[in-house]
Protein backbone atom coordinates (compact mmCIF):
# COMPACT_ATOMS: atom_id res chain seq x y z
CA MET A 1 -234.83 79.09 -91.13
CA ASP A 2 -234.29 80.11 -87.52
CA PHE A 3 -231.04 81.39 -86.03
CA ASP A 4 -230.04 78.12 -84.34
CA SER A 5 -230.30 76.20 -87.60
CA ARG A 6 -227.83 78.61 -89.27
CA ILE A 7 -225.11 78.00 -86.66
CA SER A 8 -222.80 75.08 -87.30
CA ARG A 9 -222.13 72.48 -84.63
CA LYS A 10 -218.54 73.73 -84.36
CA ASP A 11 -219.68 77.31 -83.75
CA LYS A 12 -222.12 76.15 -81.09
CA LEU A 13 -219.32 74.30 -79.29
CA VAL A 14 -217.12 77.41 -79.40
CA ILE A 15 -219.94 79.51 -77.92
CA LEU A 16 -220.51 76.96 -75.16
CA LEU A 17 -216.78 76.81 -74.42
CA ARG A 18 -216.47 80.59 -74.16
CA THR A 19 -219.55 80.78 -71.97
CA GLY A 20 -218.13 78.07 -69.73
CA ILE A 21 -214.87 80.00 -69.34
CA LYS A 22 -216.82 83.16 -68.43
CA ALA A 23 -218.80 81.14 -65.88
CA LEU A 24 -215.58 79.83 -64.31
CA ARG A 25 -214.23 83.38 -64.03
CA GLY A 26 -217.54 84.35 -62.46
CA LEU A 27 -217.18 81.62 -59.83
CA TRP A 28 -213.81 83.09 -58.86
CA LYS A 29 -214.89 86.76 -58.95
CA ARG A 30 -218.08 86.19 -56.95
CA ILE A 31 -215.92 85.37 -53.95
CA PHE A 32 -214.94 89.02 -53.77
CA ILE A 33 -218.18 90.85 -54.61
CA LYS A 34 -220.91 91.55 -52.06
CA GLU A 35 -223.44 89.18 -53.62
CA ALA A 36 -224.38 87.42 -56.85
CA HIS A 37 -227.31 85.16 -57.63
CA GLY A 38 -227.63 82.59 -60.39
CA LEU A 39 -225.18 82.57 -63.28
CA PHE A 40 -222.43 85.22 -63.15
CA LEU A 41 -220.44 85.56 -66.37
CA VAL A 42 -217.16 87.48 -66.48
CA GLY A 43 -215.21 88.12 -69.68
CA ALA A 44 -211.46 88.35 -70.16
CA HIS A 45 -209.47 91.20 -68.58
CA VAL A 46 -212.43 92.50 -66.54
CA THR A 47 -211.46 94.81 -63.67
CA LEU A 48 -213.56 94.78 -60.50
CA SER A 49 -212.27 97.13 -57.81
CA HIS A 50 -213.77 97.60 -54.34
CA ALA A 51 -215.88 94.58 -55.24
CA HIS A 52 -217.43 94.39 -51.76
CA ASN A 53 -219.74 97.22 -52.90
CA ILE A 54 -220.99 95.35 -56.00
CA HIS A 55 -224.38 93.59 -55.84
CA CYS A 56 -225.51 91.36 -58.72
CA GLY A 57 -228.83 89.69 -59.39
CA ARG A 58 -229.31 86.58 -61.51
CA ASN A 59 -227.49 86.06 -64.80
CA VAL A 60 -225.35 89.21 -64.80
CA LYS A 61 -222.69 89.46 -67.50
CA PHE A 62 -219.56 91.63 -67.61
CA GLU A 63 -218.02 91.49 -71.09
CA ASP A 64 -214.30 91.61 -71.95
CA TYR A 65 -212.24 94.57 -70.73
CA ALA A 66 -215.07 96.10 -68.69
CA GLU A 67 -213.91 98.23 -65.73
CA VAL A 68 -216.30 98.28 -62.80
CA HIS A 69 -215.13 100.39 -59.87
CA GLY A 70 -217.13 99.89 -56.70
CA LEU A 71 -215.74 102.69 -54.54
CA CYS A 72 -218.96 104.54 -53.65
CA SER A 73 -221.30 105.23 -50.74
CA HIS A 74 -224.40 103.39 -52.03
CA GLY A 75 -222.88 100.56 -54.05
CA LEU A 76 -223.26 99.33 -57.61
CA ASN A 77 -226.50 97.37 -57.88
CA PHE A 78 -227.20 95.23 -60.94
CA GLY A 79 -230.60 93.57 -61.38
CA ASP A 80 -231.36 90.25 -63.08
CA ASN A 81 -230.20 89.61 -66.66
CA VAL A 82 -228.02 92.73 -66.85
CA THR A 83 -225.25 92.94 -69.46
CA ILE A 84 -222.30 95.34 -69.21
CA GLY A 85 -220.66 95.48 -72.63
CA ARG A 86 -217.06 95.26 -73.75
CA ASP A 87 -214.80 98.13 -72.65
CA VAL A 88 -217.51 99.78 -70.55
CA MET A 89 -216.19 101.86 -67.66
CA ILE A 90 -218.33 102.40 -64.57
CA ARG A 91 -216.66 104.87 -62.25
CA PRO A 92 -218.35 106.51 -59.24
CA SER A 93 -215.12 107.85 -57.73
CA SER A 94 -211.54 108.71 -58.56
CA TYR A 95 -209.03 105.89 -58.72
CA TYR A 96 -207.29 107.20 -55.61
CA GLY A 97 -210.30 107.50 -53.33
CA GLY A 98 -210.17 111.27 -52.90
CA ASP A 99 -213.74 111.68 -54.12
CA CYS A 100 -216.12 108.93 -53.01
CA GLY A 101 -219.18 109.07 -55.24
CA TYR A 102 -222.75 107.85 -54.81
CA GLY A 103 -223.22 104.81 -57.06
CA LEU A 104 -225.47 103.11 -59.59
CA THR A 105 -228.63 100.99 -59.79
CA ILE A 106 -229.58 99.13 -62.99
CA GLY A 107 -232.91 97.31 -63.25
CA ASN A 108 -233.75 93.90 -64.66
CA ASN A 109 -233.10 93.02 -68.32
CA SER A 110 -231.12 96.21 -68.99
CA SER A 111 -227.81 96.55 -70.83
CA ILE A 112 -225.02 99.01 -71.54
CA GLY A 113 -223.40 98.66 -74.96
CA PRO A 114 -219.67 98.46 -75.75
CA HIS A 115 -217.30 101.34 -75.01
CA GLY A 116 -219.75 103.15 -72.72
CA TYR A 117 -218.87 105.41 -69.80
CA VAL A 118 -220.97 105.71 -66.65
CA GLY A 119 -219.77 108.40 -64.28
CA CYS A 120 -221.95 107.81 -61.23
CA SER A 121 -220.40 110.28 -58.79
CA GLY A 122 -223.97 111.43 -58.31
CA PRO A 123 -226.76 108.83 -58.18
CA ILE A 124 -227.65 107.10 -61.44
CA VAL A 125 -230.79 104.96 -61.56
CA ILE A 126 -231.58 102.99 -64.73
CA GLY A 127 -234.92 101.19 -64.94
CA ASN A 128 -235.97 97.81 -66.27
CA ASN A 129 -235.70 96.77 -69.94
CA VAL A 130 -233.41 99.66 -70.88
CA MET A 131 -231.13 99.28 -73.90
CA ILE A 132 -228.16 101.66 -73.95
CA GLY A 133 -226.25 101.52 -77.22
CA PRO A 134 -222.49 101.56 -77.91
CA LYS A 135 -220.29 104.50 -76.92
CA CYS A 136 -222.88 106.21 -74.71
CA SER A 137 -221.79 108.40 -71.80
CA LEU A 138 -223.61 109.34 -68.60
CA PHE A 139 -222.18 112.06 -66.35
CA ALA A 140 -223.91 112.50 -62.99
CA GLU A 141 -221.69 115.39 -62.04
CA ASN A 142 -221.02 118.93 -63.27
CA HIS A 143 -218.27 121.41 -62.45
CA VAL A 144 -219.12 124.76 -60.83
CA PHE A 145 -217.65 127.69 -62.77
CA SER A 146 -219.70 130.75 -61.71
CA ASP A 147 -216.79 132.52 -59.98
CA ASP A 148 -214.45 133.80 -62.68
CA SER A 149 -211.94 134.95 -60.05
CA ALA A 150 -211.25 131.36 -59.01
CA THR A 151 -210.13 128.32 -60.94
CA ILE A 152 -212.85 125.96 -62.08
CA LYS A 153 -211.13 123.07 -60.34
CA SER A 154 -211.24 124.86 -56.99
CA GLN A 155 -215.02 125.57 -57.15
CA GLY A 156 -216.09 122.00 -56.73
CA VAL A 157 -218.93 120.11 -58.36
CA VAL A 158 -222.68 119.53 -58.19
CA GLN A 159 -224.15 116.04 -58.34
CA LYS A 160 -227.89 116.07 -59.04
CA GLY A 161 -227.96 112.58 -60.53
CA ILE A 162 -229.56 110.92 -63.56
CA LYS A 163 -232.75 108.86 -63.73
CA ILE A 164 -233.82 106.70 -66.68
CA GLY A 165 -237.24 105.06 -66.60
CA ASP A 166 -238.36 101.63 -67.79
CA ASP A 167 -238.46 100.39 -71.39
CA CYS A 168 -236.11 102.92 -72.99
CA TRP A 169 -233.88 102.63 -76.05
CA ILE A 170 -230.88 104.95 -76.06
CA GLY A 171 -229.00 104.98 -79.35
CA SER A 172 -225.27 104.93 -80.02
CA ASN A 173 -223.09 107.88 -78.93
CA VAL A 174 -225.78 109.52 -76.78
CA ILE A 175 -224.48 111.77 -73.99
CA ILE A 176 -226.67 112.33 -70.90
CA LEU A 177 -225.64 115.09 -68.51
CA ASP A 178 -226.19 115.59 -64.79
CA GLY A 179 -229.65 116.48 -63.52
CA VAL A 180 -231.59 114.78 -66.34
CA THR A 181 -234.67 112.62 -65.75
CA ILE A 182 -235.89 110.43 -68.62
CA GLY A 183 -239.38 108.95 -68.43
CA ASN A 184 -240.67 105.51 -69.38
CA HIS A 185 -240.86 104.19 -72.95
CA VAL A 186 -238.48 106.78 -74.43
CA VAL A 187 -236.41 106.44 -77.61
CA ILE A 188 -233.33 108.67 -78.00
CA GLY A 189 -231.69 108.79 -81.44
CA ALA A 190 -227.97 108.24 -81.99
CA GLY A 191 -225.66 111.15 -81.29
CA THR A 192 -228.06 113.14 -79.12
CA LEU A 193 -226.80 115.38 -76.32
CA VAL A 194 -229.41 115.24 -73.54
CA THR A 195 -229.33 118.27 -71.23
CA HIS A 196 -233.02 118.51 -70.19
CA ASP A 197 -235.69 116.18 -68.83
CA ILE A 198 -237.55 114.00 -71.33
CA PRO A 199 -241.16 113.01 -70.61
CA SER A 200 -242.47 109.46 -70.95
CA LYS A 201 -243.46 108.13 -74.38
CA SER A 202 -241.15 110.52 -76.23
CA LEU A 203 -238.96 110.18 -79.31
CA VAL A 204 -235.84 112.40 -79.34
CA ILE A 205 -234.34 112.50 -82.82
CA ASN A 206 -232.43 115.76 -83.31
CA PRO A 207 -228.89 115.79 -81.86
CA LYS A 208 -228.38 119.56 -82.28
CA LYS A 209 -231.68 120.90 -80.98
CA LEU A 210 -233.63 118.69 -78.63
CA ALA A 211 -236.70 117.73 -80.65
CA ILE A 212 -239.26 115.72 -78.70
CA LYS A 213 -242.19 113.93 -80.30
CA GLU A 214 -244.77 111.90 -78.45
CA LEU A 215 -244.75 108.24 -79.37
CA GLN A 216 -248.05 106.83 -80.56
CA ASN A 217 -249.73 104.38 -78.27
CA SER A 218 -249.34 100.88 -79.60
């Protein structure tokens, strides 16, 4: 028995109705963003600020309560079939415009799970076919604290950026810090703190001590 046969006619109608409402919101919101192609689905209570810096490919979906802030120098660029989950916050800059960040690029068929945080003050590039699980955080910025005679806040920040290759699966509650590059076809287990580069075809499974194993060729 396939999935469609297990869904009642009533449930299918509800799904179609909700999708239609998201499509209508998308028709309104696309007036304000830089560009959108194909279907653009927008959930309830979605916040899009500085939308003129937001570029969307085909069939992009912003789920309920997502906050997408477009104040940045290089824009927020979403490829085709990208899904931004419920309660995800994408913030390249402060709310008040005092610190204009770089921005974000997400490739085709990639998604960010619910309750995620993407701090793209430095450049963040996410490849194609990347699955980022719930409650993940990416921080493309780090505070300078080398001078103990000055406050940390006064010493500024560094913004090296984050790069994630194609065909990656990043489990729930993963934290990726500034300056990290992740290769292609990488799996990162839930709860991992990523502070160093990860080569392609790796499996990272130990959240306390970065343990990298090479994935077998399929």
